[in-house]
Amino acid sequence: FFFNLGNLALSRALGDFIFKRNTDKKAEEQVVTAAPDVVTKTITEDWEFILLACDGIWDVLSNEEVLKFVRTRVAQQMTPEMICEELMTRCLAPNCQ
């Protein structure tokens, strides 16, 4: 029994029911699962910000590049919404900047 997962994007784990048909396994044991990895952290004054992004960002920029991008704009007192817009534009339409 073989699945070709080459056409499956990680962010699509909420769908793709074709990969979740094994009735002998629980939902989190299927070939593809929507069960998240959860980490609990205590937020302190030392935290600058929290950044969540999809593979559309991480496929284009490294952790360090995103951090520099966001820090620069936070220092310029840009709103979080504007920072997100610019980050998405940078990654999804780099020739538009």
N, C-alpha and C. Protein backbone atom coordinates (compact mmCIF):
# COMPACT_ATOMS: atom_id res chain seq x y z
N PHE A 1 0.85 -1.18 0.00
CA PHE A 1 0.00 0.00 0.00
C PHE A 1 0.89 1.23 0.00
N PHE A 2 0.82 2.05 -1.04
CA PHE A 2 1.75 3.17 -1.20
C PHE A 2 1.00 4.44 -1.56
N PHE A 3 1.36 5.54 -0.90
CA PHE A 3 0.82 6.85 -1.22
C PHE A 3 1.92 7.72 -1.79
N ASN A 4 1.63 8.42 -2.86
CA ASN A 4 2.56 9.41 -3.37
C ASN A 4 2.17 10.74 -2.74
N LEU A 5 2.95 11.21 -1.78
CA LEU A 5 2.64 12.45 -1.09
C LEU A 5 3.28 13.66 -1.76
N GLY A 6 3.84 13.50 -2.92
CA GLY A 6 4.53 14.59 -3.60
C GLY A 6 3.64 15.76 -3.95
N ASN A 7 2.35 15.59 -4.01
CA ASN A 7 1.45 16.67 -4.37
C ASN A 7 0.68 17.22 -3.17
N LEU A 8 1.13 16.92 -2.00
CA LEU A 8 0.41 17.30 -0.78
C LEU A 8 1.15 18.42 -0.06
N ALA A 9 0.50 19.57 0.07
CA ALA A 9 1.08 20.68 0.82
C ALA A 9 0.79 20.46 2.30
N LEU A 10 1.75 20.76 3.15
CA LEU A 10 1.57 20.54 4.58
C LEU A 10 0.38 21.29 5.14
N SER A 11 0.15 22.48 4.65
CA SER A 11 -0.95 23.29 5.19
C SER A 11 -2.32 22.74 4.82
N ARG A 12 -2.37 21.71 3.99
CA ARG A 12 -3.65 21.16 3.56
C ARG A 12 -4.07 19.98 4.42
N ALA A 13 -3.45 19.76 5.53
CA ALA A 13 -3.76 18.60 6.36
C ALA A 13 -5.18 18.63 6.90
N LEU A 14 -5.86 19.76 6.83
CA LEU A 14 -7.25 19.83 7.28
C LEU A 14 -8.20 19.20 6.27
N GLY A 15 -7.76 19.02 5.06
CA GLY A 15 -8.57 18.37 4.03
C GLY A 15 -7.92 17.05 3.66
N ASP A 16 -7.78 16.80 2.37
CA ASP A 16 -7.08 15.62 1.86
C ASP A 16 -7.56 14.31 2.49
N PHE A 17 -8.86 14.11 2.46
CA PHE A 17 -9.45 12.95 3.09
C PHE A 17 -9.01 11.63 2.46
N ILE A 18 -8.52 11.67 1.23
CA ILE A 18 -8.04 10.45 0.59
C ILE A 18 -6.88 9.83 1.37
N PHE A 19 -6.14 10.64 2.12
CA PHE A 19 -5.01 10.15 2.90
C PHE A 19 -5.41 9.78 4.32
N LYS A 20 -6.70 9.81 4.63
CA LYS A 20 -7.17 9.57 6.00
C LYS A 20 -8.24 8.49 6.04
N ARG A 21 -8.11 7.48 5.24
CA ARG A 21 -9.16 6.46 5.11
C ARG A 21 -8.91 5.18 5.89
N ASN A 22 -7.82 5.07 6.60
CA ASN A 22 -7.52 3.83 7.31
C ASN A 22 -8.39 3.75 8.56
N THR A 23 -9.41 2.91 8.50
CA THR A 23 -10.37 2.79 9.61
C THR A 23 -9.78 2.09 10.83
N ASP A 24 -8.60 1.49 10.67
CA ASP A 24 -7.94 0.83 11.80
C ASP A 24 -7.12 1.81 12.64
N LYS A 25 -7.02 3.05 12.18
CA LYS A 25 -6.19 4.03 12.89
C LYS A 25 -7.03 5.23 13.32
N LYS A 26 -6.61 5.82 14.45
CA LYS A 26 -7.25 7.05 14.92
C LYS A 26 -6.84 8.20 13.99
N ALA A 27 -7.55 9.31 14.08
CA ALA A 27 -7.29 10.46 13.20
C ALA A 27 -5.84 10.91 13.26
N GLU A 28 -5.26 10.97 14.45
CA GLU A 28 -3.88 11.45 14.57
C GLU A 28 -2.84 10.43 14.12
N GLU A 29 -3.25 9.20 13.79
CA GLU A 29 -2.33 8.16 13.33
C GLU A 29 -2.38 7.96 11.81
N GLN A 30 -3.23 8.70 11.12
CA GLN A 30 -3.37 8.56 9.68
C GLN A 30 -2.11 9.02 8.95
N VAL A 31 -2.02 8.74 7.66
CA VAL A 31 -0.88 9.17 6.85
C VAL A 31 -0.72 10.68 6.94
N VAL A 32 -1.84 11.39 6.89
CA VAL A 32 -1.86 12.84 7.02
C VAL A 32 -2.77 13.17 8.19
N THR A 33 -2.34 14.07 9.05
CA THR A 33 -3.16 14.43 10.20
C THR A 33 -3.21 15.93 10.38
N ALA A 34 -4.31 16.40 10.94
CA ALA A 34 -4.44 17.82 11.27
C ALA A 34 -4.11 18.05 12.74
N ALA A 35 -3.66 17.01 13.43
CA ALA A 35 -3.30 17.15 14.85
C ALA A 35 -2.03 18.00 14.95
N PRO A 36 -2.10 19.14 15.61
CA PRO A 36 -0.94 20.03 15.66
C PRO A 36 0.08 19.61 16.71
N ASP A 37 1.32 20.04 16.51
CA ASP A 37 2.32 19.98 17.57
C ASP A 37 2.09 21.23 18.41
N VAL A 38 1.94 21.06 19.70
CA VAL A 38 1.65 22.20 20.57
C VAL A 38 2.77 22.36 21.57
N VAL A 39 3.26 23.58 21.69
CA VAL A 39 4.29 23.92 22.66
C VAL A 39 3.75 25.07 23.50
N THR A 40 3.86 24.95 24.80
CA THR A 40 3.40 26.01 25.70
C THR A 40 4.61 26.79 26.20
N LYS A 41 4.55 28.09 26.07
CA LYS A 41 5.63 28.96 26.52
C LYS A 41 5.03 30.06 27.40
N THR A 42 5.81 30.53 28.34
CA THR A 42 5.40 31.67 29.15
C THR A 42 5.95 32.93 28.49
N ILE A 43 5.05 33.84 28.16
CA ILE A 43 5.47 35.08 27.52
C ILE A 43 5.95 36.05 28.60
N THR A 44 7.14 36.58 28.39
CA THR A 44 7.73 37.51 29.35
C THR A 44 7.99 38.85 28.66
N GLU A 45 8.44 39.81 29.43
CA GLU A 45 8.77 41.14 28.89
C GLU A 45 9.91 41.08 27.88
N ASP A 46 10.70 40.01 27.90
CA ASP A 46 11.82 39.86 26.98
C ASP A 46 11.39 39.57 25.55
N TRP A 47 10.16 39.11 25.37
CA TRP A 47 9.67 38.75 24.04
C TRP A 47 9.41 40.02 23.23
N GLU A 48 9.95 40.06 22.02
CA GLU A 48 9.68 41.20 21.14
C GLU A 48 8.32 41.05 20.48
N PHE A 49 8.06 39.87 19.94
CA PHE A 49 6.81 39.60 19.25
C PHE A 49 6.72 38.10 18.99
N ILE A 50 5.56 37.68 18.55
CA ILE A 50 5.35 36.30 18.13
C ILE A 50 5.03 36.34 16.65
N LEU A 51 5.66 35.48 15.90
CA LEU A 51 5.46 35.47 14.46
C LEU A 51 5.01 34.08 14.02
N LEU A 52 3.84 34.02 13.42
CA LEU A 52 3.33 32.78 12.83
C LEU A 52 3.25 33.00 11.33
N ALA A 53 3.75 32.06 10.57
CA ALA A 53 3.72 32.20 9.11
C ALA A 53 3.56 30.83 8.47
N CYS A 54 3.14 30.84 7.23
CA CYS A 54 2.95 29.60 6.49
C CYS A 54 4.16 29.34 5.59
N ASP A 55 4.12 28.23 4.88
CA ASP A 55 5.25 27.88 4.02
C ASP A 55 5.44 28.88 2.88
N GLY A 56 4.43 29.67 2.56
CA GLY A 56 4.59 30.71 1.55
C GLY A 56 5.62 31.76 1.97
N ILE A 57 5.82 31.91 3.25
CA ILE A 57 6.84 32.81 3.78
C ILE A 57 8.15 32.04 3.97
N TRP A 58 8.09 30.91 4.67
CA TRP A 58 9.30 30.16 5.02
C TRP A 58 10.00 29.54 3.82
N ASP A 59 9.28 29.33 2.73
CA ASP A 59 9.93 28.81 1.51
C ASP A 59 10.77 29.88 0.83
N VAL A 60 10.52 31.14 1.15
CA VAL A 60 11.20 32.25 0.48
C VAL A 60 12.28 32.87 1.36
N LEU A 61 11.99 33.01 2.64
CA LEU A 61 12.93 33.67 3.56
C LEU A 61 13.29 32.74 4.72
N SER A 62 14.50 32.90 5.21
CA SER A 62 14.95 32.13 6.38
C SER A 62 14.38 32.77 7.65
N ASN A 63 14.51 32.06 8.76
CA ASN A 63 14.09 32.62 10.06
C ASN A 63 14.77 33.96 10.31
N GLU A 64 16.07 34.01 10.05
CA GLU A 64 16.84 35.23 10.30
C GLU A 64 16.38 36.38 9.41
N GLU A 65 16.08 36.07 8.15
CA GLU A 65 15.62 37.12 7.22
C GLU A 65 14.26 37.67 7.63
N VAL A 66 13.37 36.79 8.05
CA VAL A 66 12.05 37.25 8.50
C VAL A 66 12.20 38.08 9.77
N LEU A 67 13.02 37.63 10.69
CA LEU A 67 13.25 38.37 11.93
C LEU A 67 13.78 39.77 11.64
N LYS A 68 14.76 39.87 10.77
CA LYS A 68 15.32 41.18 10.41
C LYS A 68 14.25 42.05 9.74
N PHE A 69 13.49 41.46 8.83
CA PHE A 69 12.42 42.17 8.12
C PHE A 69 11.43 42.77 9.12
N VAL A 70 10.97 41.95 10.06
CA VAL A 70 9.97 42.40 11.02
C VAL A 70 10.57 43.40 12.00
N ARG A 71 11.74 43.12 12.54
CA ARG A 71 12.37 44.04 13.49
C ARG A 71 12.56 45.43 12.89
N THR A 72 12.99 45.49 11.65
CA THR A 72 13.20 46.78 10.99
C THR A 72 11.91 47.58 10.96
N ARG A 73 10.82 46.93 10.64
CA ARG A 73 9.54 47.62 10.52
C ARG A 73 8.92 47.94 11.88
N VAL A 74 9.15 47.10 12.86
CA VAL A 74 8.70 47.42 14.22
C VAL A 74 9.42 48.68 14.70
N ALA A 75 10.72 48.76 14.42
CA ALA A 75 11.51 49.94 14.81
C ALA A 75 11.01 51.20 14.12
N GLN A 76 10.43 51.04 12.93
CA GLN A 76 9.85 52.18 12.20
C GLN A 76 8.42 52.48 12.66
N GLN A 77 7.97 51.76 13.67
CA GLN A 77 6.64 51.90 14.26
C GLN A 77 5.51 51.62 13.27
N MET A 78 5.76 50.69 12.37
CA MET A 78 4.71 50.26 11.45
C MET A 78 3.71 49.40 12.21
N THR A 79 2.48 49.40 11.77
CA THR A 79 1.46 48.56 12.41
C THR A 79 1.70 47.10 12.05
N PRO A 80 1.27 46.18 12.91
CA PRO A 80 1.41 44.76 12.58
C PRO A 80 0.75 44.40 11.25
N GLU A 81 -0.39 45.02 10.97
CA GLU A 81 -1.09 44.73 9.71
C GLU A 81 -0.24 45.13 8.51
N MET A 82 0.39 46.30 8.58
CA MET A 82 1.22 46.76 7.47
C MET A 82 2.48 45.91 7.33
N ILE A 83 3.04 45.49 8.44
CA ILE A 83 4.21 44.61 8.39
C ILE A 83 3.84 43.30 7.70
N CYS A 84 2.70 42.76 8.05
CA CYS A 84 2.24 41.51 7.42
C CYS A 84 2.02 41.70 5.93
N GLU A 85 1.40 42.80 5.55
CA GLU A 85 1.17 43.08 4.13
C GLU A 85 2.49 43.16 3.37
N GLU A 86 3.45 43.88 3.93
CA GLU A 86 4.75 44.01 3.26
C GLU A 86 5.49 42.68 3.19
N LEU A 87 5.39 41.89 4.25
CA LEU A 87 6.05 40.59 4.26
C LEU A 87 5.44 39.67 3.20
N MET A 88 4.13 39.67 3.10
CA MET A 88 3.48 38.84 2.08
C MET A 88 3.84 39.32 0.68
N THR A 89 3.87 40.63 0.48
CA THR A 89 4.26 41.17 -0.82
C THR A 89 5.69 40.78 -1.15
N ARG A 90 6.56 40.89 -0.17
CA ARG A 90 7.98 40.54 -0.37
C ARG A 90 8.13 39.08 -0.80
N CYS A 91 7.35 38.21 -0.19
CA CYS A 91 7.50 36.78 -0.46
C CYS A 91 6.70 36.30 -1.67
N LEU A 92 5.54 36.86 -1.86
CA LEU A 92 4.66 36.36 -2.91
C LEU A 92 4.78 37.13 -4.22
N ALA A 93 5.24 38.36 -4.15
CA ALA A 93 5.41 39.18 -5.36
C ALA A 93 6.67 40.03 -5.20
N PRO A 94 7.84 39.40 -5.13
CA PRO A 94 9.08 40.13 -4.82
C PRO A 94 9.42 41.23 -5.82
N ASN A 95 8.94 41.16 -7.03
CA ASN A 95 9.25 42.18 -8.03
C ASN A 95 8.36 43.41 -7.91
N CYS A 96 7.43 43.40 -6.97
CA CYS A 96 6.50 44.52 -6.80
C CYS A 96 7.01 45.56 -5.82
N GLN A 97 8.15 45.32 -5.21
CA GLN A 97 8.65 46.27 -4.21
C GLN A 97 9.60 47.25 -4.83
